[in-house]
């Protein structure tokens, strides 16, 4: 599985498509709605699916190909397959979303033809009506061929609508967002506050104060929590030893990793793996 999703406990409606061996030329594999007040921190590493999400309420951050974008109520964002991407909700303003995961050559062609394959965020683009139409269409058809045909029609309508908002993309430029972006892109490394101070030319005190003001959490706590969420995925989906996971995430030693994990998850890494691990 190429998609790594790191989620806090979530409240969402997640629906799967009808079973089919043929996903040509267009296929919505998952679809649903994530409700407000649902924390979100997700990483997509070279994902084999694309997604479109409409932000109903709240706000968050998108990192795609090292570009950083802010999203909020009324925005739409597209994350295409084959790229490394991170997106997360702001801790004090978690976002609700309508979303679909999709694949197939038709989607690539349409996005290219309408000139929006390189656009990540469409600002102030209320496509909620079309997105809801897509979800309703997905739920309506259980025959795979009808499902593909009817959802492709709605996708075409959605692409046409979004193409009218090609210039509604906005990148983040605040220092706090740049610092958070840097942390997300180097989360597998041993990031220290001294390193952030040197790179961004601020005092350590200023970085801690401004970061906490923006995100409600200190940089150190954010780094540790992000590493632990990745560790949770690695414990479930790999056979890597606790020591290897600790080293790969930049912890000083396995004991430090285990203590940090226990502090956040309220159980030891070995116990968490035993309870949640699937056969791989």
C-alpha atoms as a PDB file:
ATOM      1  CA  UNK A   1       0.000   0.000   0.000  1.00  0.00           C
ATOM      2  CA  UNK A   2       1.570   3.300  -1.089  1.00  0.00           C
ATOM      3  CA  UNK A   3      -0.773   5.534   0.833  1.00  0.00           C
ATOM      4  CA  UNK A   4       0.193   6.201   4.415  1.00  0.00           C
ATOM      5  CA  UNK A   5      -2.606   7.835   6.362  1.00  0.00           C
ATOM      6  CA  UNK A   6      -1.930   9.145   9.834  1.00  0.00           C
ATOM      7  CA  UNK A   7      -5.187   9.888  11.615  1.00  0.00           C
ATOM      8  CA  UNK A   8      -6.246  10.787  15.086  1.00  0.00           C
ATOM      9  CA  UNK A   9      -9.495   9.082  16.145  1.00  0.00           C
ATOM     10  CA  UNK A  10     -11.904  10.323  13.497  1.00  0.00           C
ATOM     11  CA  UNK A  11     -15.605  10.813  12.892  1.00  0.00           C
ATOM     12  CA  UNK A  12     -16.336  10.210   9.232  1.00  0.00           C
ATOM     13  CA  UNK A  13     -18.543   8.449   6.716  1.00  0.00           C
ATOM     14  CA  UNK A  14     -16.279   6.344   4.504  1.00  0.00           C
ATOM     15  CA  UNK A  15     -17.831   4.344   1.647  1.00  0.00           C
ATOM     16  CA  UNK A  16     -16.232   1.879  -0.755  1.00  0.00           C
ATOM     17  CA  UNK A  17     -16.965   1.324  -4.431  1.00  0.00           C
ATOM     18  CA  UNK A  18     -18.545  -1.830  -5.873  1.00  0.00           C
ATOM     19  CA  UNK A  19     -16.049  -4.646  -6.436  1.00  0.00           C
ATOM     20  CA  UNK A  20     -14.566  -4.720  -9.938  1.00  0.00           C
ATOM     21  CA  UNK A  21     -11.349  -5.912 -11.552  1.00  0.00           C
ATOM     22  CA  UNK A  22     -11.551  -3.275 -14.296  1.00  0.00           C
ATOM     23  CA  UNK A  23     -11.162   0.350 -13.229  1.00  0.00           C
ATOM     24  CA  UNK A  24     -10.904   1.714 -16.780  1.00  0.00           C
ATOM     25  CA  UNK A  25     -11.420   4.518 -17.692  1.00  0.00           C
ATOM     26  CA  UNK A  26     -12.442   6.191 -14.408  1.00  0.00           C
ATOM     27  CA  UNK A  27     -13.115   4.825 -10.956  1.00  0.00           C
ATOM     28  CA  UNK A  28     -13.992   6.334  -7.572  1.00  0.00           C
ATOM     29  CA  UNK A  29     -12.477   3.839  -5.124  1.00  0.00           C
ATOM     30  CA  UNK A  30     -13.477   5.569  -1.867  1.00  0.00           C
ATOM     31  CA  UNK A  31     -15.777   8.464  -1.052  1.00  0.00           C
ATOM     32  CA  UNK A  32     -17.306  10.081   1.964  1.00  0.00           C
ATOM     33  CA  UNK A  33     -17.568  12.936   4.411  1.00  0.00           C
ATOM     34  CA  UNK A  34     -15.366  13.894   7.336  1.00  0.00           C
ATOM     35  CA  UNK A  35     -17.209  15.870   9.987  1.00  0.00           C
ATOM     36  CA  UNK A  36     -16.167  19.022  11.826  1.00  0.00           C
ATOM     37  CA  UNK A  37     -14.012  18.796  14.951  1.00  0.00           C
ATOM     38  CA  UNK A  38     -12.262  15.733  13.511  1.00  0.00           C
ATOM     39  CA  UNK A  39      -8.482  16.150  13.909  1.00  0.00           C
ATOM     40  CA  UNK A  40      -6.541  15.187  10.807  1.00  0.00           C
ATOM     41  CA  UNK A  41      -2.884  14.595   9.961  1.00  0.00           C
ATOM     42  CA  UNK A  42      -2.350  12.576   6.795  1.00  0.00           C
ATOM     43  CA  UNK A  43       0.685  11.652   4.731  1.00  0.00           C
ATOM     44  CA  UNK A  44       0.430  10.343   1.153  1.00  0.00           C
ATOM     45  CA  UNK A  45       3.718   8.881  -0.040  1.00  0.00           C
ATOM     46  CA  UNK A  46       3.725   8.201  -3.786  1.00  0.00           C
ATOM     47  CA  UNK A  47       0.034   7.356  -3.559  1.00  0.00           C
ATOM     48  CA  UNK A  48      -1.544   5.238  -6.295  1.00  0.00           C
ATOM     49  CA  UNK A  49      -4.812   7.192  -6.108  1.00  0.00           C
ATOM     50  CA  UNK A  50      -5.807  10.839  -6.481  1.00  0.00           C
ATOM     51  CA  UNK A  51      -8.337  12.744  -4.413  1.00  0.00           C
ATOM     52  CA  UNK A  52     -10.515  15.836  -4.555  1.00  0.00           C
ATOM     53  CA  UNK A  53     -11.720  17.357  -1.298  1.00  0.00           C
ATOM     54  CA  UNK A  54     -14.085  20.236  -0.634  1.00  0.00           C
ATOM     55  CA  UNK A  55     -13.653  22.045   2.690  1.00  0.00           C
ATOM     56  CA  UNK A  56     -17.073  22.584   4.270  1.00  0.00           C
ATOM     57  CA  UNK A  57     -15.750  24.307   7.373  1.00  0.00           C
ATOM     58  CA  UNK A  58     -12.560  24.799   9.352  1.00  0.00           C
ATOM     59  CA  UNK A  59      -9.049  25.188   7.952  1.00  0.00           C
ATOM     60  CA  UNK A  60      -5.851  23.289   7.299  1.00  0.00           C
ATOM     61  CA  UNK A  61      -2.570  23.110   5.438  1.00  0.00           C
ATOM     62  CA  UNK A  62      -1.576  21.239   2.268  1.00  0.00           C
ATOM     63  CA  UNK A  63       2.031  20.392   1.393  1.00  0.00           C
ATOM     64  CA  UNK A  64       2.521  19.051  -2.129  1.00  0.00           C
ATOM     65  CA  UNK A  65       5.801  18.910  -4.050  1.00  0.00           C
ATOM     66  CA  UNK A  66       7.311  21.151  -1.343  1.00  0.00           C
ATOM     67  CA  UNK A  67       4.765  23.909  -1.997  1.00  0.00           C
ATOM     68  CA  UNK A  68       2.590  24.872   0.969  1.00  0.00           C
ATOM     69  CA  UNK A  69      -1.023  26.014   0.778  1.00  0.00           C
ATOM     70  CA  UNK A  70      -3.615  27.162   3.280  1.00  0.00           C
ATOM     71  CA  UNK A  71      -7.162  25.828   2.873  1.00  0.00           C
ATOM     72  CA  UNK A  72     -10.323  26.952   4.616  1.00  0.00           C
ATOM     73  CA  UNK A  73     -14.079  26.865   4.338  1.00  0.00           C
ATOM     74  CA  UNK A  74     -15.176  27.155   0.697  1.00  0.00           C
ATOM     75  CA  UNK A  75     -11.885  25.921  -0.803  1.00  0.00           C
ATOM     76  CA  UNK A  76     -11.319  22.818  -2.924  1.00  0.00           C
ATOM     77  CA  UNK A  77      -8.049  20.911  -3.216  1.00  0.00           C
ATOM     78  CA  UNK A  78      -6.753  18.165  -5.505  1.00  0.00           C
ATOM     79  CA  UNK A  79      -3.969  15.743  -4.584  1.00  0.00           C
ATOM     80  CA  UNK A  80      -2.768  13.714  -7.552  1.00  0.00           C
ATOM     81  CA  UNK A  81      -1.293  10.231  -7.503  1.00  0.00           C
ATOM     82  CA  UNK A  82       2.434   9.613  -7.674  1.00  0.00           C
ATOM     83  CA  UNK A  83       3.420  12.523  -5.429  1.00  0.00           C
ATOM     84  CA  UNK A  84       4.459  12.979  -1.819  1.00  0.00           C
ATOM     85  CA  UNK A  85       1.881  15.024   0.056  1.00  0.00           C
ATOM     86  CA  UNK A  86       0.944  15.997   3.594  1.00  0.00           C
ATOM     87  CA  UNK A  87      -2.241  17.643   4.753  1.00  0.00           C
ATOM     88  CA  UNK A  88      -3.564  18.422   8.194  1.00  0.00           C
ATOM     89  CA  UNK A  89      -6.245  20.423   9.960  1.00  0.00           C
ATOM     90  CA  UNK A  90      -5.412  23.324  12.239  1.00  0.00           C
ATOM     91  CA  UNK A  91      -5.696  22.146  15.871  1.00  0.00           C
ATOM     92  CA  UNK A  92      -8.088  24.912  16.904  1.00  0.00           C
ATOM     93  CA  UNK A  93     -10.160  24.939  13.687  1.00  0.00           C
ATOM     94  CA  UNK A  94     -10.445  21.378  12.402  1.00  0.00           C
ATOM     95  CA  UNK A  95     -12.002  21.043   8.980  1.00  0.00           C
ATOM     96  CA  UNK A  96     -15.010  19.128   7.706  1.00  0.00           C
ATOM     97  CA  UNK A  97     -14.782  17.826   4.132  1.00  0.00           C
ATOM     98  CA  UNK A  98     -16.565  16.095   1.263  1.00  0.00           C
ATOM     99  CA  UNK A  99     -14.105  13.921  -0.642  1.00  0.00           C
ATOM    100  CA  UNK A 100     -13.508  11.260  -3.277  1.00  0.00           C
ATOM    101  CA  UNK A 101     -10.502   9.073  -4.076  1.00  0.00           C
ATOM    102  CA  UNK A 102     -10.253   8.342  -7.801  1.00  0.00           C
ATOM    103  CA  UNK A 103      -8.042   6.821 -10.482  1.00  0.00           C
ATOM    104  CA  UNK A 104      -8.010   6.074 -14.194  1.00  0.00           C
ATOM    105  CA  UNK A 105      -6.727   7.548 -17.445  1.00  0.00           C
ATOM    106  CA  UNK A 106      -9.874   9.579 -18.034  1.00  0.00           C
ATOM    107  CA  UNK A 107      -9.282  11.689 -14.929  1.00  0.00           C
ATOM    108  CA  UNK A 108      -5.683  12.449 -15.954  1.00  0.00           C
ATOM    109  CA  UNK A 109      -6.738  13.429 -19.456  1.00  0.00           C
ATOM    110  CA  UNK A 110      -9.566  15.693 -18.311  1.00  0.00           C
ATOM    111  CA  UNK A 111      -7.400  17.507 -15.764  1.00  0.00           C
ATOM    112  CA  UNK A 112      -4.723  18.050 -18.433  1.00  0.00           C
ATOM    113  CA  UNK A 113      -7.165  19.187 -21.127  1.00  0.00           C
ATOM    114  CA  UNK A 114      -8.756  21.736 -18.799  1.00  0.00           C
ATOM    115  CA  UNK A 115      -5.371  22.979 -17.617  1.00  0.00           C
ATOM    116  CA  UNK A 116      -5.762  22.233 -13.919  1.00  0.00           C
ATOM    117  CA  UNK A 117      -3.498  19.205 -13.428  1.00  0.00           C
ATOM    118  CA  UNK A 118      -0.826  21.417 -11.822  1.00  0.00           C
ATOM    119  CA  UNK A 119      -3.195  23.248  -9.472  1.00  0.00           C
ATOM    120  CA  UNK A 120      -3.506  22.037  -5.879  1.00  0.00           C
ATOM    121  CA  UNK A 121      -5.867  24.498  -4.184  1.00  0.00           C
ATOM    122  CA  UNK A 122      -8.841  26.374  -5.634  1.00  0.00           C
ATOM    123  CA  UNK A 123      -9.713  29.266  -3.335  1.00  0.00           C
ATOM    124  CA  UNK A 124     -13.327  30.288  -2.664  1.00  0.00           C
ATOM    125  CA  UNK A 125     -14.615  27.568  -4.963  1.00  0.00           C
ATOM    126  CA  UNK A 126     -17.903  26.227  -3.644  1.00  0.00           C
ATOM    127  CA  UNK A 127     -18.290  22.907  -5.419  1.00  0.00           C
ATOM    128  CA  UNK A 128     -20.319  21.401  -2.571  1.00  0.00           C
ATOM    129  CA  UNK A 129     -23.374  20.841  -4.788  1.00  0.00           C
ATOM    130  CA  UNK A 130     -21.384  18.870  -7.370  1.00  0.00           C
ATOM    131  CA  UNK A 131     -19.452  16.964  -4.699  1.00  0.00           C
ATOM    132  CA  UNK A 132     -22.685  15.971  -2.988  1.00  0.00           C
ATOM    133  CA  UNK A 133     -24.056  14.943  -6.384  1.00  0.00           C
ATOM    134  CA  UNK A 134     -20.984  12.744  -6.811  1.00  0.00           C
ATOM    135  CA  UNK A 135     -21.483  11.085  -3.412  1.00  0.00           C
ATOM    136  CA  UNK A 136     -25.148  10.500  -4.126  1.00  0.00           C
ATOM    137  CA  UNK A 137     -24.287   9.008  -7.519  1.00  0.00           C
ATOM    138  CA  UNK A 138     -21.714   6.700  -5.933  1.00  0.00           C
ATOM    139  CA  UNK A 139     -24.255   5.453  -3.407  1.00  0.00           C
ATOM    140  CA  UNK A 140     -26.966   4.971  -6.030  1.00  0.00           C
ATOM    141  CA  UNK A 141     -25.193   2.529  -8.364  1.00  0.00           C
ATOM    142  CA  UNK A 142     -24.059  -0.922  -7.262  1.00  0.00           C
ATOM    143  CA  UNK A 143     -23.464  -2.274 -10.779  1.00  0.00           C
ATOM    144  CA  UNK A 144     -19.755  -1.580 -11.493  1.00  0.00           C
ATOM    145  CA  UNK A 145     -20.256  -0.538 -15.114  1.00  0.00           C
ATOM    146  CA  UNK A 146     -23.092   1.850 -14.314  1.00  0.00           C
ATOM    147  CA  UNK A 147     -21.107   3.097 -11.332  1.00  0.00           C
ATOM    148  CA  UNK A 148     -18.095   3.980 -13.496  1.00  0.00           C
ATOM    149  CA  UNK A 149     -20.176   5.548 -16.268  1.00  0.00           C
ATOM    150  CA  UNK A 150     -22.369   7.734 -14.059  1.00  0.00           C
ATOM    151  CA  UNK A 151     -19.589   8.895 -11.736  1.00  0.00           C
ATOM    152  CA  UNK A 152     -17.450   9.797 -14.771  1.00  0.00           C
ATOM    153  CA  UNK A 153     -20.231  12.124 -15.946  1.00  0.00           C
ATOM    154  CA  UNK A 154     -20.262  13.949 -12.607  1.00  0.00           C
ATOM    155  CA  UNK A 155     -16.459  14.098 -12.552  1.00  0.00           C
ATOM    156  CA  UNK A 156     -16.515  15.770 -15.966  1.00  0.00           C
ATOM    157  CA  UNK A 157     -18.942  18.344 -14.574  1.00  0.00           C
ATOM    158  CA  UNK A 158     -16.676  18.900 -11.560  1.00  0.00           C
ATOM    159  CA  UNK A 159     -13.560  19.419 -13.701  1.00  0.00           C
ATOM    160  CA  UNK A 160     -15.376  21.926 -15.902  1.00  0.00           C
ATOM    161  CA  UNK A 161     -16.494  23.842 -12.819  1.00  0.00           C
ATOM    162  CA  UNK A 162     -13.020  23.922 -11.230  1.00  0.00           C
ATOM    163  CA  UNK A 163     -11.386  25.013 -14.487  1.00  0.00           C
ATOM    164  CA  UNK A 164     -13.185  28.347 -14.131  1.00  0.00           C
ATOM    165  CA  UNK A 165     -11.144  29.050 -10.988  1.00  0.00           C
ATOM    166  CA  UNK A 166      -7.626  28.405 -12.275  1.00  0.00           C
ATOM    167  CA  UNK A 167      -6.163  31.483 -10.619  1.00  0.00           C
ATOM    168  CA  UNK A 168      -7.672  30.879  -7.182  1.00  0.00           C
ATOM    169  CA  UNK A 169      -4.586  29.236  -5.663  1.00  0.00           C
ATOM    170  CA  UNK A 170      -2.704  30.795  -2.762  1.00  0.00           C
ATOM    171  CA  UNK A 171       0.564  29.776  -1.132  1.00  0.00           C
ATOM    172  CA  UNK A 172       1.472  30.297   2.512  1.00  0.00           C
ATOM    173  CA  UNK A 173       4.067  32.929   3.278  1.00  0.00           C
ATOM    174  CA  UNK A 174       4.131  33.315   7.074  1.00  0.00           C
ATOM    175  CA  UNK A 175       7.248  32.231   8.959  1.00  0.00           C
ATOM    176  CA  UNK A 176       5.250  29.989  11.277  1.00  0.00           C
ATOM    177  CA  UNK A 177       3.855  28.112   8.281  1.00  0.00           C
ATOM    178  CA  UNK A 178       7.332  27.829   6.773  1.00  0.00           C
ATOM    179  CA  UNK A 179       8.647  26.378  10.024  1.00  0.00           C
ATOM    180  CA  UNK A 180       5.829  23.840  10.195  1.00  0.00           C
ATOM    181  CA  UNK A 181       6.383  22.948   6.561  1.00  0.00           C
ATOM    182  CA  UNK A 182      10.092  22.406   7.231  1.00  0.00           C
ATOM    183  CA  UNK A 183       9.287  20.127  10.169  1.00  0.00           C
ATOM    184  CA  UNK A 184       6.823  18.077   8.102  1.00  0.00           C
ATOM    185  CA  UNK A 185       9.307  17.628   5.270  1.00  0.00           C
ATOM    186  CA  UNK A 186      12.127  16.570   7.638  1.00  0.00           C
ATOM    187  CA  UNK A 187      10.100  14.692  10.217  1.00  0.00           C
ATOM    188  CA  UNK A 188      12.186  11.517   9.827  1.00  0.00           C
ATOM    189  CA  UNK A 189      15.278  13.447  10.918  1.00  0.00           C
ATOM    190  CA  UNK A 190      16.438  14.477  14.388  1.00  0.00           C
ATOM    191  CA  UNK A 191      15.083  18.044  14.297  1.00  0.00           C
ATOM    192  CA  UNK A 192      16.217  20.273  17.133  1.00  0.00           C
ATOM    193  CA  UNK A 193      15.088  23.722  18.199  1.00  0.00           C
ATOM    194  CA  UNK A 194      18.641  24.988  17.662  1.00  0.00           C
ATOM    195  CA  UNK A 195      18.420  23.854  14.026  1.00  0.00           C
ATOM    196  CA  UNK A 196      15.153  25.757  13.513  1.00  0.00           C
ATOM    197  CA  UNK A 197      16.585  28.886  15.116  1.00  0.00           C
ATOM    198  CA  UNK A 198      19.654  28.781  12.885  1.00  0.00           C
ATOM    199  CA  UNK A 199      17.712  28.097   9.683  1.00  0.00           C
ATOM    200  CA  UNK A 200      14.998  30.719  10.189  1.00  0.00           C
ATOM    201  CA  UNK A 201      17.174  33.335  11.931  1.00  0.00           C
ATOM    202  CA  UNK A 202      15.004  33.689  15.029  1.00  0.00           C
ATOM    203  CA  UNK A 203      15.753  33.105  18.680  1.00  0.00           C
ATOM    204  CA  UNK A 204      14.565  29.809  20.116  1.00  0.00           C
ATOM    205  CA  UNK A 205      12.237  31.689  22.434  1.00  0.00           C
ATOM    206  CA  UNK A 206      10.634  33.555  19.530  1.00  0.00           C
ATOM    207  CA  UNK A 207      10.098  30.348  17.542  1.00  0.00           C
ATOM    208  CA  UNK A 208       8.453  28.583  20.480  1.00  0.00           C
ATOM    209  CA  UNK A 209       6.232  31.560  21.277  1.00  0.00           C
ATOM    210  CA  UNK A 210       5.086  32.284  17.709  1.00  0.00           C
ATOM    211  CA  UNK A 211       4.627  28.611  16.777  1.00  0.00           C
ATOM    212  CA  UNK A 212       2.490  27.961  19.850  1.00  0.00           C
ATOM    213  CA  UNK A 213       0.455  31.093  19.183  1.00  0.00           C
ATOM    214  CA  UNK A 214      -0.280  29.923  15.613  1.00  0.00           C
ATOM    215  CA  UNK A 215      -0.853  26.212  16.259  1.00  0.00           C
ATOM    216  CA  UNK A 216      -1.567  25.832  19.976  1.00  0.00           C
ATOM    217  CA  UNK A 217       1.419  23.520  20.476  1.00  0.00           C
ATOM    218  CA  UNK A 218       5.183  23.939  20.883  1.00  0.00           C
ATOM    219  CA  UNK A 219       7.504  22.902  18.021  1.00  0.00           C
ATOM    220  CA  UNK A 220       9.020  20.161  20.185  1.00  0.00           C
ATOM    221  CA  UNK A 221       5.639  18.697  21.048  1.00  0.00           C
ATOM    222  CA  UNK A 222       4.522  18.892  17.439  1.00  0.00           C
ATOM    223  CA  UNK A 223       7.673  17.055  16.285  1.00  0.00           C
ATOM    224  CA  UNK A 224       7.267  14.299  18.879  1.00  0.00           C
ATOM    225  CA  UNK A 225       3.561  13.792  18.158  1.00  0.00           C
ATOM    226  CA  UNK A 226       4.196  13.661  14.398  1.00  0.00           C
ATOM    227  CA  UNK A 227       6.937  11.052  14.858  1.00  0.00           C
ATOM    228  CA  UNK A 228       4.741   8.931  17.115  1.00  0.00           C
ATOM    229  CA  UNK A 229       1.897   8.927  14.587  1.00  0.00           C
ATOM    230  CA  UNK A 230       4.315   7.680  11.930  1.00  0.00           C
ATOM    231  CA  UNK A 231       5.544   5.053  14.398  1.00  0.00           C
ATOM    232  CA  UNK A 232       1.965   3.837  14.890  1.00  0.00           C
ATOM    233  CA  UNK A 233       1.689   3.186  11.159  1.00  0.00           C
ATOM    234  CA  UNK A 234       5.102   1.487  11.000  1.00  0.00           C
ATOM    235  CA  UNK A 235       4.287  -0.775  13.944  1.00  0.00           C
ATOM    236  CA  UNK A 236       1.115  -1.984  12.258  1.00  0.00           C
ATOM    237  CA  UNK A 237       2.295  -2.192   8.643  1.00  0.00           C
ATOM    238  CA  UNK A 238       5.935  -3.327   8.858  1.00  0.00           C
ATOM    239  CA  UNK A 239       7.994  -5.995  10.589  1.00  0.00           C
ATOM    240  CA  UNK A 240      10.711  -3.504  11.520  1.00  0.00           C
ATOM    241  CA  UNK A 241      12.081  -3.906  15.021  1.00  0.00           C
ATOM    242  CA  UNK A 242      11.352  -1.320  17.718  1.00  0.00           C
ATOM    243  CA  UNK A 243      15.017  -0.313  17.573  1.00  0.00           C
ATOM    244  CA  UNK A 244      14.901   0.164  13.784  1.00  0.00           C
ATOM    245  CA  UNK A 245      11.736   2.262  13.999  1.00  0.00           C
ATOM    246  CA  UNK A 246      13.265   4.350  16.752  1.00  0.00           C
ATOM    247  CA  UNK A 247      16.415   4.959  14.713  1.00  0.00           C
ATOM    248  CA  UNK A 248      14.557   5.746  11.480  1.00  0.00           C
ATOM    249  CA  UNK A 249      12.487   8.391  13.281  1.00  0.00           C
ATOM    250  CA  UNK A 250      15.523  10.108  14.786  1.00  0.00           C
ATOM    251  CA  UNK A 251      15.030   9.181  18.453  1.00  0.00           C
ATOM    252  CA  UNK A 252      18.173   9.076  20.567  1.00  0.00           C
ATOM    253  CA  UNK A 253      17.557   5.469  21.623  1.00  0.00           C
ATOM    254  CA  UNK A 254      14.721   2.891  21.837  1.00  0.00           C
ATOM    255  CA  UNK A 255      14.059   3.706  25.505  1.00  0.00           C
ATOM    256  CA  UNK A 256      13.425   7.361  24.659  1.00  0.00           C
ATOM    257  CA  UNK A 257      11.168   6.293  21.786  1.00  0.00           C
ATOM    258  CA  UNK A 258       9.215   3.852  23.969  1.00  0.00           C
ATOM    259  CA  UNK A 259       8.730   6.440  26.722  1.00  0.00           C
ATOM    260  CA  UNK A 260       7.553   9.074  24.223  1.00  0.00           C
ATOM    261  CA  UNK A 261       5.202   6.580  22.583  1.00  0.00           C
ATOM    262  CA  UNK A 262       3.741   5.526  25.931  1.00  0.00           C
ATOM    263  CA  UNK A 263       3.258   9.151  26.973  1.00  0.00           C
ATOM    264  CA  UNK A 264       1.143   9.929  23.892  1.00  0.00           C
ATOM    265  CA  UNK A 265      -0.590   6.613  23.107  1.00  0.00           C
ATOM    266  CA  UNK A 266      -0.838   5.335  26.705  1.00  0.00           C
ATOM    267  CA  UNK A 267       0.671   1.972  25.823  1.00  0.00           C
ATOM    268  CA  UNK A 268       4.105   0.623  24.928  1.00  0.00           C
ATOM    269  CA  UNK A 269       5.076   0.119  21.240  1.00  0.00           C
ATOM    270  CA  UNK A 270       5.250  -3.670  21.625  1.00  0.00           C
ATOM    271  CA  UNK A 271       1.779  -3.810  23.169  1.00  0.00           C
ATOM    272  CA  UNK A 272       0.374  -1.479  20.502  1.00  0.00           C
ATOM    273  CA  UNK A 273       1.815  -3.691  17.734  1.00  0.00           C
ATOM    274  CA  UNK A 274       0.449  -6.856  19.321  1.00  0.00           C
ATOM    275  CA  UNK A 275      -3.044  -5.362  19.592  1.00  0.00           C
ATOM    276  CA  UNK A 276      -3.276  -3.742  16.140  1.00  0.00           C
ATOM    277  CA  UNK A 277      -0.880  -5.490  13.765  1.00  0.00           C
ATOM    278  CA  UNK A 278      -2.305  -7.174  10.675  1.00  0.00           C
ATOM    279  CA  UNK A 279      -0.603 -10.023   8.874  1.00  0.00           C
ATOM    280  CA  UNK A 280       1.580  -8.626   6.050  1.00  0.00           C
END
